[in-house]
Amino acid sequence: MLCMVMFRSAVADWNVVPTGSMQPTIRIGDRILVDKAAYDLHLPLTSLSLWRRADPARGDIVVLDSHAAGERLVKRVIGLPGDRVALIDDHLFVNGVAADYRPLHIAGIRDDRADPARYVEESLGSIHHAVRWSVAAQGHGLDFGPITVPAGQYLLLGDDRDNSADSRYYGFFPRNEITGRATRVALSLDPGNHYLPRSERWGKALQ
């Protein structure tokens, strides 16, 4: 049991996702695998970094213990230290380069019944991922910038751009609060359907 606890604290763990802030990439009820050694090798059962292996990259889905939010968050890295970032009319700009958007058809998300949404693929260089835009929030999004990300800090956003408490609420997140990288869905249970398994999502890689 002790070995298992130490392994989960320093090497790999799994997290239940109770909110929809990362939809459609991560859905409510997904259990995600977290690589806790992706960026740092920690002393087990502590937050002390013994070896800094790498830094989070743009597009990574990271797990962090946020002091500002007072809870564990799962968000996507958008701005790296030194980047100049803006979000204008829901469109992202990083270092003066505008992201490209392509419409997507995604079905089966329960929140769409009460809050209809549009889905697009957001592309910035070699990074491509799905984003959810609430139809009701169009024209009323939380635009910002351009702003420069300070040294040692990261700008994080949720993929559900109109329903995510992220850097637009809490500001930049320190590097030392990031505890790992989410890599794939371990298993998924549908809370809107008696917690029945969503087997098509089991083992699904996150991107």
N, C-alpha and C. Protein backbone atom coordinates (compact mmCIF):
# COMPACT_ATOMS: atom_id res chain seq x y z
N MET A 1 0.82 -1.19 0.00
CA MET A 1 0.00 0.00 0.00
C MET A 1 0.87 1.26 0.00
N LEU A 2 1.94 1.22 0.79
CA LEU A 2 2.83 2.37 0.84
C LEU A 2 3.48 2.61 -0.52
N CYS A 3 3.90 1.54 -1.18
CA CYS A 3 4.50 1.67 -2.52
C CYS A 3 3.51 2.28 -3.50
N MET A 4 2.24 1.85 -3.42
CA MET A 4 1.22 2.37 -4.31
C MET A 4 0.99 3.86 -4.07
N VAL A 5 0.93 4.27 -2.80
CA VAL A 5 0.74 5.68 -2.46
C VAL A 5 1.92 6.51 -2.97
N MET A 6 3.13 6.01 -2.79
CA MET A 6 4.31 6.74 -3.24
C MET A 6 4.34 6.84 -4.76
N PHE A 7 3.93 5.75 -5.44
CA PHE A 7 3.88 5.75 -6.90
C PHE A 7 2.90 6.79 -7.40
N ARG A 8 1.71 6.83 -6.79
CA ARG A 8 0.68 7.77 -7.23
C ARG A 8 1.06 9.22 -6.92
N SER A 9 1.84 9.44 -5.88
CA SER A 9 2.20 10.81 -5.51
C SER A 9 3.32 11.37 -6.38
N ALA A 10 4.17 10.48 -6.96
CA ALA A 10 5.37 10.97 -7.64
C ALA A 10 5.48 10.55 -9.11
N VAL A 11 4.79 9.50 -9.53
CA VAL A 11 5.00 8.97 -10.87
C VAL A 11 3.75 9.09 -11.74
N ALA A 12 2.66 8.49 -11.33
CA ALA A 12 1.44 8.53 -12.13
C ALA A 12 0.23 8.41 -11.22
N ASP A 13 -0.85 9.06 -11.64
CA ASP A 13 -2.07 9.05 -10.84
C ASP A 13 -3.25 9.15 -11.79
N TRP A 14 -4.47 9.04 -11.26
CA TRP A 14 -5.65 9.27 -12.07
C TRP A 14 -6.56 10.23 -11.33
N ASN A 15 -7.24 11.07 -12.09
CA ASN A 15 -8.11 12.09 -11.52
C ASN A 15 -9.52 11.97 -12.09
N VAL A 16 -10.51 12.14 -11.24
CA VAL A 16 -11.90 12.24 -11.68
C VAL A 16 -12.14 13.68 -12.12
N VAL A 17 -12.84 13.87 -13.25
CA VAL A 17 -13.13 15.22 -13.74
C VAL A 17 -14.60 15.52 -13.47
N PRO A 18 -14.90 16.40 -12.48
CA PRO A 18 -16.29 16.64 -12.10
C PRO A 18 -16.96 17.77 -12.86
N THR A 19 -16.18 18.58 -13.62
CA THR A 19 -16.75 19.73 -14.32
C THR A 19 -16.52 19.62 -15.82
N GLY A 20 -17.18 20.50 -16.55
CA GLY A 20 -17.08 20.47 -18.01
C GLY A 20 -16.16 21.52 -18.60
N SER A 21 -15.25 22.08 -17.82
CA SER A 21 -14.42 23.19 -18.30
C SER A 21 -13.47 22.81 -19.41
N MET A 22 -13.21 21.51 -19.61
CA MET A 22 -12.32 21.06 -20.68
C MET A 22 -13.07 20.33 -21.79
N GLN A 23 -14.40 20.47 -21.83
CA GLN A 23 -15.15 19.85 -22.92
C GLN A 23 -14.83 20.56 -24.25
N PRO A 24 -14.80 19.83 -25.35
CA PRO A 24 -15.16 18.42 -25.49
C PRO A 24 -13.98 17.45 -25.30
N THR A 25 -12.77 17.98 -25.05
CA THR A 25 -11.60 17.11 -24.92
C THR A 25 -11.75 16.14 -23.76
N ILE A 26 -12.12 16.69 -22.59
CA ILE A 26 -12.37 15.88 -21.40
C ILE A 26 -13.82 16.10 -21.00
N ARG A 27 -14.57 15.00 -20.84
CA ARG A 27 -15.99 15.11 -20.54
C ARG A 27 -16.25 14.83 -19.06
N ILE A 28 -17.35 15.35 -18.56
CA ILE A 28 -17.74 15.11 -17.18
C ILE A 28 -17.88 13.60 -16.96
N GLY A 29 -17.21 13.09 -15.96
CA GLY A 29 -17.24 11.65 -15.69
C GLY A 29 -16.03 10.90 -16.19
N ASP A 30 -15.15 11.58 -16.96
CA ASP A 30 -13.89 10.95 -17.38
C ASP A 30 -12.96 10.79 -16.17
N ARG A 31 -12.25 9.68 -16.15
CA ARG A 31 -11.14 9.49 -15.21
C ARG A 31 -9.87 9.56 -16.04
N ILE A 32 -9.03 10.56 -15.80
CA ILE A 32 -7.87 10.78 -16.65
C ILE A 32 -6.58 10.31 -15.98
N LEU A 33 -5.67 9.80 -16.81
CA LEU A 33 -4.34 9.43 -16.33
C LEU A 33 -3.45 10.66 -16.32
N VAL A 34 -2.68 10.82 -15.25
CA VAL A 34 -1.80 11.97 -15.09
C VAL A 34 -0.36 11.49 -14.93
N ASP A 35 0.50 11.94 -15.84
CA ASP A 35 1.92 11.64 -15.75
C ASP A 35 2.56 12.66 -14.82
N LYS A 36 2.80 12.25 -13.57
CA LYS A 36 3.34 13.18 -12.59
C LYS A 36 4.84 13.38 -12.72
N ALA A 37 5.49 12.58 -13.56
CA ALA A 37 6.92 12.75 -13.78
C ALA A 37 7.20 13.43 -15.12
N ALA A 38 6.17 14.00 -15.74
CA ALA A 38 6.35 14.62 -17.06
C ALA A 38 7.27 15.83 -16.99
N TYR A 39 7.17 16.60 -15.92
CA TYR A 39 7.94 17.84 -15.81
C TYR A 39 8.97 17.82 -14.68
N ASP A 40 8.63 17.15 -13.58
CA ASP A 40 9.53 17.10 -12.43
C ASP A 40 9.50 15.71 -11.81
N LEU A 41 10.62 15.32 -11.25
CA LEU A 41 10.67 14.14 -10.41
C LEU A 41 10.58 14.62 -8.97
N HIS A 42 9.47 14.30 -8.30
CA HIS A 42 9.22 14.80 -6.96
C HIS A 42 9.62 13.78 -5.89
N LEU A 43 9.99 14.31 -4.74
CA LEU A 43 10.14 13.47 -3.58
C LEU A 43 8.75 12.95 -3.22
N PRO A 44 8.55 11.62 -3.14
CA PRO A 44 7.22 11.09 -2.87
C PRO A 44 6.56 11.71 -1.64
N LEU A 45 5.26 11.95 -1.77
CA LEU A 45 4.41 12.50 -0.71
C LEU A 45 4.70 13.96 -0.40
N THR A 46 5.48 14.62 -1.26
CA THR A 46 5.76 16.04 -1.09
C THR A 46 5.65 16.74 -2.45
N SER A 47 5.74 18.08 -2.43
CA SER A 47 5.78 18.85 -3.67
C SER A 47 7.20 19.27 -4.02
N LEU A 48 8.18 18.71 -3.32
CA LEU A 48 9.59 19.06 -3.52
C LEU A 48 10.11 18.42 -4.80
N SER A 49 10.58 19.25 -5.73
CA SER A 49 11.13 18.75 -7.00
C SER A 49 12.59 18.37 -6.82
N LEU A 50 12.90 17.10 -7.12
CA LEU A 50 14.28 16.62 -7.05
C LEU A 50 15.02 16.82 -8.36
N TRP A 51 14.26 16.82 -9.47
CA TRP A 51 14.87 16.92 -10.80
C TRP A 51 13.86 17.54 -11.75
N ARG A 52 14.24 18.65 -12.33
CA ARG A 52 13.38 19.33 -13.30
C ARG A 52 13.64 18.73 -14.68
N ARG A 53 12.73 17.89 -15.14
CA ARG A 53 12.94 17.15 -16.38
C ARG A 53 12.61 17.97 -17.62
N ALA A 54 11.55 18.77 -17.55
CA ALA A 54 11.10 19.54 -18.70
C ALA A 54 10.14 20.62 -18.21
N ASP A 55 9.80 21.52 -19.11
CA ASP A 55 8.81 22.54 -18.80
C ASP A 55 7.55 22.27 -19.62
N PRO A 56 6.38 22.67 -19.12
CA PRO A 56 5.16 22.51 -19.89
C PRO A 56 5.26 23.19 -21.26
N ALA A 57 4.71 22.55 -22.27
CA ALA A 57 4.73 23.09 -23.62
C ALA A 57 3.35 23.60 -23.99
N ARG A 58 3.32 24.53 -24.95
CA ARG A 58 2.04 25.04 -25.40
C ARG A 58 1.19 23.88 -25.96
N GLY A 59 -0.06 23.82 -25.52
CA GLY A 59 -0.95 22.75 -25.96
C GLY A 59 -1.06 21.62 -24.97
N ASP A 60 -0.13 21.51 -24.01
CA ASP A 60 -0.22 20.45 -23.00
C ASP A 60 -1.46 20.65 -22.13
N ILE A 61 -2.08 19.55 -21.74
CA ILE A 61 -3.14 19.59 -20.74
C ILE A 61 -2.49 19.26 -19.41
N VAL A 62 -2.54 20.22 -18.48
CA VAL A 62 -1.82 20.06 -17.23
C VAL A 62 -2.78 20.00 -16.05
N VAL A 63 -2.31 19.34 -15.00
CA VAL A 63 -3.01 19.29 -13.72
C VAL A 63 -2.21 20.13 -12.74
N LEU A 64 -2.90 20.97 -11.97
CA LEU A 64 -2.19 21.82 -11.03
C LEU A 64 -2.99 21.97 -9.74
N ASP A 65 -2.27 22.15 -8.66
CA ASP A 65 -2.87 22.48 -7.38
C ASP A 65 -2.78 23.98 -7.22
N SER A 66 -3.88 24.67 -7.54
CA SER A 66 -3.88 26.13 -7.61
C SER A 66 -4.17 26.76 -6.26
N HIS A 67 -3.25 27.60 -5.82
CA HIS A 67 -3.46 28.36 -4.58
C HIS A 67 -4.56 29.39 -4.79
N ALA A 68 -4.58 30.05 -5.95
CA ALA A 68 -5.57 31.09 -6.21
C ALA A 68 -6.99 30.52 -6.25
N ALA A 69 -7.14 29.35 -6.88
CA ALA A 69 -8.46 28.73 -6.99
C ALA A 69 -8.82 27.94 -5.74
N GLY A 70 -7.82 27.53 -4.98
CA GLY A 70 -8.07 26.74 -3.78
C GLY A 70 -8.48 25.32 -4.08
N GLU A 71 -8.11 24.81 -5.26
CA GLU A 71 -8.47 23.45 -5.64
C GLU A 71 -7.58 22.97 -6.77
N ARG A 72 -7.74 21.68 -7.11
CA ARG A 72 -7.00 21.11 -8.23
C ARG A 72 -7.72 21.46 -9.53
N LEU A 73 -6.95 21.89 -10.54
CA LEU A 73 -7.50 22.28 -11.83
C LEU A 73 -6.89 21.45 -12.94
N VAL A 74 -7.64 21.31 -14.03
CA VAL A 74 -7.14 20.69 -15.25
C VAL A 74 -7.38 21.68 -16.38
N LYS A 75 -6.31 22.19 -16.99
CA LYS A 75 -6.42 23.22 -18.01
C LYS A 75 -5.39 22.98 -19.11
N ARG A 76 -5.52 23.77 -20.19
CA ARG A 76 -4.57 23.66 -21.30
C ARG A 76 -3.60 24.84 -21.28
N VAL A 77 -2.32 24.54 -21.54
CA VAL A 77 -1.30 25.58 -21.61
C VAL A 77 -1.47 26.35 -22.93
N ILE A 78 -1.69 27.66 -22.80
CA ILE A 78 -1.84 28.53 -23.96
C ILE A 78 -0.66 29.47 -24.09
N GLY A 79 -0.25 30.08 -22.98
CA GLY A 79 0.85 31.03 -23.01
C GLY A 79 2.02 30.59 -22.16
N LEU A 80 3.23 30.60 -22.75
CA LEU A 80 4.46 30.27 -22.05
C LEU A 80 5.11 31.55 -21.53
N PRO A 81 6.06 31.43 -20.60
CA PRO A 81 6.75 32.63 -20.12
C PRO A 81 7.33 33.44 -21.28
N GLY A 82 7.02 34.74 -21.30
CA GLY A 82 7.50 35.63 -22.35
C GLY A 82 6.55 35.77 -23.52
N ASP A 83 5.56 34.90 -23.65
CA ASP A 83 4.59 34.99 -24.75
C ASP A 83 3.70 36.22 -24.59
N ARG A 84 3.25 36.75 -25.72
CA ARG A 84 2.26 37.83 -25.73
C ARG A 84 0.97 37.25 -26.29
N VAL A 85 -0.08 37.25 -25.47
CA VAL A 85 -1.30 36.52 -25.78
C VAL A 85 -2.50 37.45 -25.75
N ALA A 86 -3.43 37.22 -26.68
CA ALA A 86 -4.70 37.96 -26.68
C ALA A 86 -5.81 37.01 -27.08
N LEU A 87 -7.01 37.27 -26.56
CA LEU A 87 -8.22 36.55 -26.95
C LEU A 87 -9.24 37.61 -27.34
N ILE A 88 -9.55 37.70 -28.63
CA ILE A 88 -10.43 38.74 -29.16
C ILE A 88 -11.56 38.09 -29.93
N ASP A 89 -12.80 38.34 -29.49
CA ASP A 89 -13.98 37.71 -30.10
C ASP A 89 -13.81 36.19 -30.16
N ASP A 90 -13.30 35.62 -29.08
CA ASP A 90 -13.07 34.18 -28.94
C ASP A 90 -11.94 33.65 -29.81
N HIS A 91 -11.24 34.51 -30.51
CA HIS A 91 -10.14 34.08 -31.38
C HIS A 91 -8.81 34.37 -30.68
N LEU A 92 -7.94 33.37 -30.70
CA LEU A 92 -6.68 33.42 -29.97
C LEU A 92 -5.55 33.97 -30.85
N PHE A 93 -4.70 34.80 -30.23
CA PHE A 93 -3.50 35.33 -30.87
C PHE A 93 -2.34 35.11 -29.92
N VAL A 94 -1.27 34.50 -30.42
CA VAL A 94 -0.07 34.27 -29.62
C VAL A 94 1.13 34.82 -30.37
N ASN A 95 1.80 35.79 -29.75
CA ASN A 95 2.97 36.45 -30.35
C ASN A 95 2.64 37.00 -31.74
N GLY A 96 1.45 37.57 -31.86
CA GLY A 96 1.03 38.19 -33.10
C GLY A 96 0.50 37.25 -34.16
N VAL A 97 0.52 35.95 -33.88
CA VAL A 97 0.03 34.95 -34.84
C VAL A 97 -1.39 34.54 -34.46
N ALA A 98 -2.30 34.62 -35.41
CA ALA A 98 -3.70 34.28 -35.15
C ALA A 98 -3.91 32.78 -35.33
N ALA A 99 -4.66 32.18 -34.43
CA ALA A 99 -5.03 30.77 -34.57
C ALA A 99 -6.04 30.61 -35.71
N ASP A 100 -6.02 29.45 -36.35
CA ASP A 100 -7.01 29.12 -37.38
C ASP A 100 -8.14 28.32 -36.75
N TYR A 101 -9.34 28.42 -37.33
CA TYR A 101 -10.51 27.72 -36.79
C TYR A 101 -11.26 27.01 -37.90
N ARG A 102 -11.59 25.74 -37.64
CA ARG A 102 -12.35 24.93 -38.59
C ARG A 102 -13.53 24.31 -37.87
N PRO A 103 -14.75 24.43 -38.42
CA PRO A 103 -15.93 23.89 -37.74
C PRO A 103 -15.83 22.37 -37.55
N LEU A 104 -16.33 21.90 -36.42
CA LEU A 104 -16.37 20.47 -36.10
C LEU A 104 -17.81 20.09 -35.75
N HIS A 105 -18.14 18.82 -36.00
CA HIS A 105 -19.43 18.30 -35.54
C HIS A 105 -19.15 17.31 -34.42
N ILE A 106 -19.60 17.65 -33.22
CA ILE A 106 -19.42 16.80 -32.05
C ILE A 106 -20.77 16.64 -31.38
N ALA A 107 -21.18 15.41 -31.16
CA ALA A 107 -22.49 15.14 -30.57
C ALA A 107 -22.33 14.39 -29.25
N GLY A 108 -23.41 14.35 -28.50
CA GLY A 108 -23.44 13.51 -27.30
C GLY A 108 -22.97 14.19 -26.04
N ILE A 109 -22.81 15.52 -26.04
CA ILE A 109 -22.40 16.22 -24.83
C ILE A 109 -23.65 16.74 -24.13
N ARG A 110 -23.85 16.30 -22.90
CA ARG A 110 -25.08 16.56 -22.18
C ARG A 110 -25.35 18.05 -21.97
N ASP A 111 -24.29 18.84 -21.75
CA ASP A 111 -24.48 20.27 -21.49
C ASP A 111 -25.10 21.01 -22.67
N ASP A 112 -25.00 20.43 -23.87
CA ASP A 112 -25.54 21.10 -25.05
C ASP A 112 -27.06 21.20 -25.02
N ARG A 113 -27.73 20.37 -24.21
CA ARG A 113 -29.19 20.42 -24.15
C ARG A 113 -29.65 21.74 -23.54
N ALA A 114 -29.02 22.17 -22.47
CA ALA A 114 -29.40 23.41 -21.80
C ALA A 114 -28.59 24.60 -22.33
N ASP A 115 -27.43 24.34 -22.88
CA ASP A 115 -26.55 25.41 -23.35
C ASP A 115 -25.99 25.01 -24.72
N PRO A 116 -26.75 25.25 -25.79
CA PRO A 116 -26.28 24.88 -27.14
C PRO A 116 -24.91 25.49 -27.44
N ALA A 117 -24.11 24.73 -28.17
CA ALA A 117 -22.74 25.16 -28.41
C ALA A 117 -22.31 24.89 -29.85
N ARG A 118 -21.28 25.61 -30.26
CA ARG A 118 -20.59 25.35 -31.52
C ARG A 118 -19.20 24.80 -31.18
N TYR A 119 -18.72 23.92 -32.04
CA TYR A 119 -17.40 23.32 -31.84
C TYR A 119 -16.50 23.63 -33.03
N VAL A 120 -15.26 23.95 -32.71
CA VAL A 120 -14.28 24.24 -33.75
C VAL A 120 -12.96 23.58 -33.39
N GLU A 121 -12.13 23.37 -34.39
CA GLU A 121 -10.75 22.94 -34.15
C GLU A 121 -9.88 24.19 -34.17
N GLU A 122 -9.22 24.44 -33.05
CA GLU A 122 -8.31 25.57 -32.95
C GLU A 122 -6.91 25.10 -33.30
N SER A 123 -6.29 25.75 -34.27
CA SER A 123 -4.95 25.35 -34.73
C SER A 123 -4.00 26.53 -34.62
N LEU A 124 -2.87 26.27 -33.98
CA LEU A 124 -1.82 27.28 -33.87
C LEU A 124 -0.50 26.56 -34.10
N GLY A 125 0.05 26.74 -35.29
CA GLY A 125 1.24 25.98 -35.67
C GLY A 125 0.90 24.50 -35.78
N SER A 126 1.65 23.67 -35.06
CA SER A 126 1.44 22.22 -35.11
C SER A 126 0.45 21.73 -34.06
N ILE A 127 -0.14 22.65 -33.29
CA ILE A 127 -1.04 22.29 -32.20
C ILE A 127 -2.48 22.40 -32.68
N HIS A 128 -3.24 21.31 -32.55
CA HIS A 128 -4.63 21.28 -32.98
C HIS A 128 -5.46 20.63 -31.87
N HIS A 129 -6.55 21.28 -31.50
CA HIS A 129 -7.45 20.68 -30.51
C HIS A 129 -8.83 21.31 -30.64
N ALA A 130 -9.83 20.61 -30.10
CA ALA A 130 -11.21 21.08 -30.19
C ALA A 130 -11.50 22.11 -29.11
N VAL A 131 -12.37 23.05 -29.45
CA VAL A 131 -12.81 24.11 -28.53
C VAL A 131 -14.33 24.19 -28.60
N ARG A 132 -14.93 24.44 -27.45
CA ARG A 132 -16.39 24.62 -27.37
C ARG A 132 -16.72 26.08 -27.15
N TRP A 133 -17.63 26.62 -27.99
CA TRP A 133 -18.13 27.98 -27.84
C TRP A 133 -19.62 27.92 -27.53
N SER A 134 -20.04 28.52 -26.46
CA SER A 134 -21.46 28.59 -26.11
C SER A 134 -22.16 29.57 -27.04
N VAL A 135 -23.27 29.13 -27.64
CA VAL A 135 -24.02 30.00 -28.55
C VAL A 135 -24.54 31.23 -27.80
N ALA A 136 -25.03 31.05 -26.58
CA ALA A 136 -25.59 32.15 -25.80
C ALA A 136 -24.55 33.19 -25.44
N ALA A 137 -23.29 32.78 -25.36
CA ALA A 137 -22.23 33.70 -24.93
C ALA A 137 -21.55 34.41 -26.08
N GLN A 138 -21.92 34.09 -27.32
CA GLN A 138 -21.28 34.72 -28.46
C GLN A 138 -21.41 36.24 -28.38
N GLY A 139 -20.28 36.91 -28.50
CA GLY A 139 -20.25 38.36 -28.38
C GLY A 139 -20.11 38.86 -26.96
N HIS A 140 -20.13 37.94 -26.00
CA HIS A 140 -20.02 38.32 -24.59
C HIS A 140 -18.90 37.53 -23.90
N GLY A 141 -17.91 37.10 -24.68
CA GLY A 141 -16.83 36.29 -24.12
C GLY A 141 -15.88 37.12 -23.25
N LEU A 142 -15.01 36.43 -22.54
CA LEU A 142 -14.05 37.09 -21.66
C LEU A 142 -12.78 37.38 -22.44
N ASP A 143 -12.85 38.40 -23.31
CA ASP A 143 -11.69 38.79 -24.10
C ASP A 143 -10.62 39.42 -23.20
N PHE A 144 -9.37 39.37 -23.68
CA PHE A 144 -8.29 40.02 -22.94
C PHE A 144 -7.12 40.27 -23.87
N GLY A 145 -6.23 41.12 -23.40
CA GLY A 145 -4.94 41.29 -24.04
C GLY A 145 -4.89 42.31 -25.17
N PRO A 146 -3.70 42.33 -25.77
CA PRO A 146 -2.57 41.41 -25.52
C PRO A 146 -1.88 41.67 -24.18
N ILE A 147 -1.48 40.55 -23.56
CA ILE A 147 -0.75 40.60 -22.29
C ILE A 147 0.47 39.71 -22.40
N THR A 148 1.50 40.05 -21.65
CA THR A 148 2.75 39.28 -21.67
C THR A 148 2.82 38.37 -20.45
N VAL A 149 3.11 37.11 -20.67
CA VAL A 149 3.20 36.13 -19.59
C VAL A 149 4.53 36.32 -18.85
N PRO A 150 4.50 36.54 -17.54
CA PRO A 150 5.74 36.77 -16.78
C PRO A 150 6.62 35.51 -16.71
N ALA A 151 7.87 35.72 -16.38
CA ALA A 151 8.80 34.61 -16.18
C ALA A 151 8.29 33.71 -15.06
N GLY A 152 8.40 32.40 -15.27
CA GLY A 152 8.00 31.44 -14.26
C GLY A 152 6.50 31.25 -14.12
N GLN A 153 5.72 31.84 -15.05
CA GLN A 153 4.27 31.76 -14.99
C GLN A 153 3.72 31.21 -16.32
N TYR A 154 2.48 30.73 -16.27
CA TYR A 154 1.83 30.18 -17.47
C TYR A 154 0.41 30.70 -17.57
N LEU A 155 -0.05 30.90 -18.80
CA LEU A 155 -1.43 31.28 -19.06
C LEU A 155 -2.18 30.03 -19.48
N LEU A 156 -3.19 29.66 -18.70
CA LEU A 156 -3.94 28.43 -18.92
C LEU A 156 -5.40 28.76 -19.21
N LEU A 157 -6.00 28.05 -20.18
CA LEU A 157 -7.41 28.21 -20.52
C LEU A 157 -8.06 26.84 -20.58
N GLY A 158 -9.38 26.81 -20.36
CA GLY A 158 -10.14 25.60 -20.59
C GLY A 158 -10.59 25.53 -22.04
N ASP A 159 -10.80 24.33 -22.55
CA ASP A 159 -11.28 24.18 -23.93
C ASP A 159 -12.74 24.60 -24.08
N ASP A 160 -13.50 24.54 -22.99
CA ASP A 160 -14.87 25.09 -22.99
C ASP A 160 -14.73 26.56 -22.65
N ARG A 161 -14.47 27.37 -23.66
CA ARG A 161 -14.00 28.73 -23.46
C ARG A 161 -14.98 29.63 -22.69
N ASP A 162 -16.26 29.35 -22.76
CA ASP A 162 -17.24 30.20 -22.10
C ASP A 162 -17.69 29.65 -20.76
N ASN A 163 -17.12 28.53 -20.34
CA ASN A 163 -17.51 27.91 -19.06
C ASN A 163 -16.29 27.34 -18.35
N SER A 164 -15.28 28.18 -18.19
CA SER A 164 -14.05 27.72 -17.56
C SER A 164 -13.47 28.81 -16.68
N ALA A 165 -13.23 28.49 -15.41
CA ALA A 165 -12.53 29.40 -14.50
C ALA A 165 -11.04 29.14 -14.64
N ASP A 166 -10.35 30.01 -15.36
CA ASP A 166 -8.95 29.78 -15.71
C ASP A 166 -8.16 31.06 -15.51
N SER A 167 -7.16 31.31 -16.37
CA SER A 167 -6.33 32.50 -16.19
C SER A 167 -7.11 33.80 -16.34
N ARG A 168 -8.27 33.75 -16.97
CA ARG A 168 -9.09 34.95 -17.08
C ARG A 168 -9.69 35.35 -15.74
N TYR A 169 -9.78 34.40 -14.82
CA TYR A 169 -10.29 34.66 -13.47
C TYR A 169 -9.17 34.75 -12.45
N TYR A 170 -8.20 33.84 -12.54
CA TYR A 170 -7.20 33.71 -11.48
C TYR A 170 -5.85 34.30 -11.85
N GLY A 171 -5.69 34.76 -13.07
CA GLY A 171 -4.38 35.28 -13.49
C GLY A 171 -3.45 34.17 -13.92
N PHE A 172 -2.18 34.49 -13.98
CA PHE A 172 -1.18 33.50 -14.41
C PHE A 172 -0.96 32.47 -13.29
N PHE A 173 -0.56 31.28 -13.71
CA PHE A 173 -0.32 30.20 -12.75
C PHE A 173 1.18 29.91 -12.66
N PRO A 174 1.73 29.82 -11.44
CA PRO A 174 3.16 29.57 -11.27
C PRO A 174 3.55 28.16 -11.74
N ARG A 175 4.75 28.07 -12.23
CA ARG A 175 5.29 26.79 -12.70
C ARG A 175 5.26 25.74 -11.59
N ASN A 176 5.54 26.13 -10.34
CA ASN A 176 5.65 25.15 -9.27
C ASN A 176 4.30 24.60 -8.81
N GLU A 177 3.18 25.16 -9.31
CA GLU A 177 1.87 24.60 -8.98
C GLU A 177 1.45 23.50 -9.93
N ILE A 178 2.14 23.37 -11.06
CA ILE A 178 1.80 22.35 -12.05
C ILE A 178 2.39 21.02 -11.61
N THR A 179 1.53 20.02 -11.42
CA THR A 179 1.97 18.75 -10.84
C THR A 179 2.09 17.62 -11.85
N GLY A 180 1.57 17.80 -13.06
CA GLY A 180 1.67 16.72 -14.03
C GLY A 180 0.94 17.03 -15.32
N ARG A 181 1.03 16.11 -16.24
CA ARG A 181 0.41 16.25 -17.56
C ARG A 181 -0.64 15.15 -17.73
N ALA A 182 -1.85 15.55 -18.13
CA ALA A 182 -2.91 14.58 -18.43
C ALA A 182 -2.65 13.99 -19.80
N THR A 183 -2.65 12.66 -19.89
CA THR A 183 -2.24 12.01 -21.13
C THR A 183 -3.38 11.28 -21.85
N ARG A 184 -4.28 10.64 -21.10
CA ARG A 184 -5.37 9.92 -21.74
C ARG A 184 -6.49 9.65 -20.75
N VAL A 185 -7.64 9.22 -21.29
CA VAL A 185 -8.77 8.85 -20.45
C VAL A 185 -8.59 7.40 -20.02
N ALA A 186 -8.55 7.17 -18.72
CA ALA A 186 -8.42 5.80 -18.22
C ALA A 186 -9.74 5.06 -18.42
N LEU A 187 -10.82 5.65 -17.93
CA LEU A 187 -12.16 5.12 -18.13
C LEU A 187 -13.14 6.27 -17.98
N SER A 188 -14.37 6.05 -18.41
CA SER A 188 -15.36 7.12 -18.41
C SER A 188 -16.72 6.56 -18.04
N LEU A 189 -17.39 7.23 -17.10
CA LEU A 189 -18.74 6.87 -16.67
C LEU A 189 -19.66 8.05 -16.92
N ASP A 190 -20.83 7.80 -17.45
CA ASP A 190 -21.75 8.87 -17.84
C ASP A 190 -22.67 9.22 -16.67
N PRO A 191 -22.45 10.37 -15.98
CA PRO A 191 -23.30 10.72 -14.84
C PRO A 191 -24.73 11.05 -15.25
N GLY A 192 -24.95 11.35 -16.52
CA GLY A 192 -26.29 11.64 -17.00
C GLY A 192 -27.07 10.41 -17.42
N ASN A 193 -26.43 9.25 -17.34
CA ASN A 193 -27.08 8.00 -17.74
C ASN A 193 -26.74 6.89 -16.75
N HIS A 194 -27.07 7.16 -15.46
CA HIS A 194 -26.90 6.17 -14.38
C HIS A 194 -25.45 5.70 -14.25
N TYR A 195 -24.51 6.54 -14.62
CA TYR A 195 -23.08 6.22 -14.53
C TYR A 195 -22.70 4.96 -15.31
N LEU A 196 -23.39 4.75 -16.41
CA LEU A 196 -23.03 3.63 -17.27
C LEU A 196 -21.71 3.93 -17.99
N PRO A 197 -20.93 2.91 -18.30
CA PRO A 197 -19.63 3.14 -18.96
C PRO A 197 -19.79 3.73 -20.35
N ARG A 198 -18.90 4.67 -20.68
CA ARG A 198 -18.76 5.15 -22.06
C ARG A 198 -17.52 4.47 -22.61
N SER A 199 -17.68 3.25 -23.05
CA SER A 199 -16.53 2.42 -23.42
C SER A 199 -15.74 3.00 -24.58
N GLU A 200 -16.38 3.81 -25.45
CA GLU A 200 -15.67 4.38 -26.59
C GLU A 200 -14.62 5.39 -26.16
N ARG A 201 -14.67 5.84 -24.90
CA ARG A 201 -13.70 6.82 -24.42
C ARG A 201 -12.58 6.16 -23.61
N TRP A 202 -12.71 4.90 -23.26
CA TRP A 202 -11.69 4.22 -22.46
C TRP A 202 -10.37 4.14 -23.23
N GLY A 203 -9.31 4.65 -22.63
CA GLY A 203 -8.00 4.61 -23.25
C GLY A 203 -7.77 5.68 -24.30
N LYS A 204 -8.73 6.60 -24.46
CA LYS A 204 -8.62 7.63 -25.49
C LYS A 204 -7.51 8.61 -25.15
N ALA A 205 -6.60 8.84 -26.11
CA ALA A 205 -5.51 9.79 -25.89
C ALA A 205 -6.05 11.22 -25.90
N LEU A 206 -5.50 12.06 -25.05
CA LEU A 206 -5.90 13.45 -24.97
C LEU A 206 -4.96 14.31 -25.80
N GLN A 207 -5.56 15.20 -26.58
CA GLN A 207 -4.74 16.09 -27.39
C GLN A 207 -5.36 17.47 -27.48
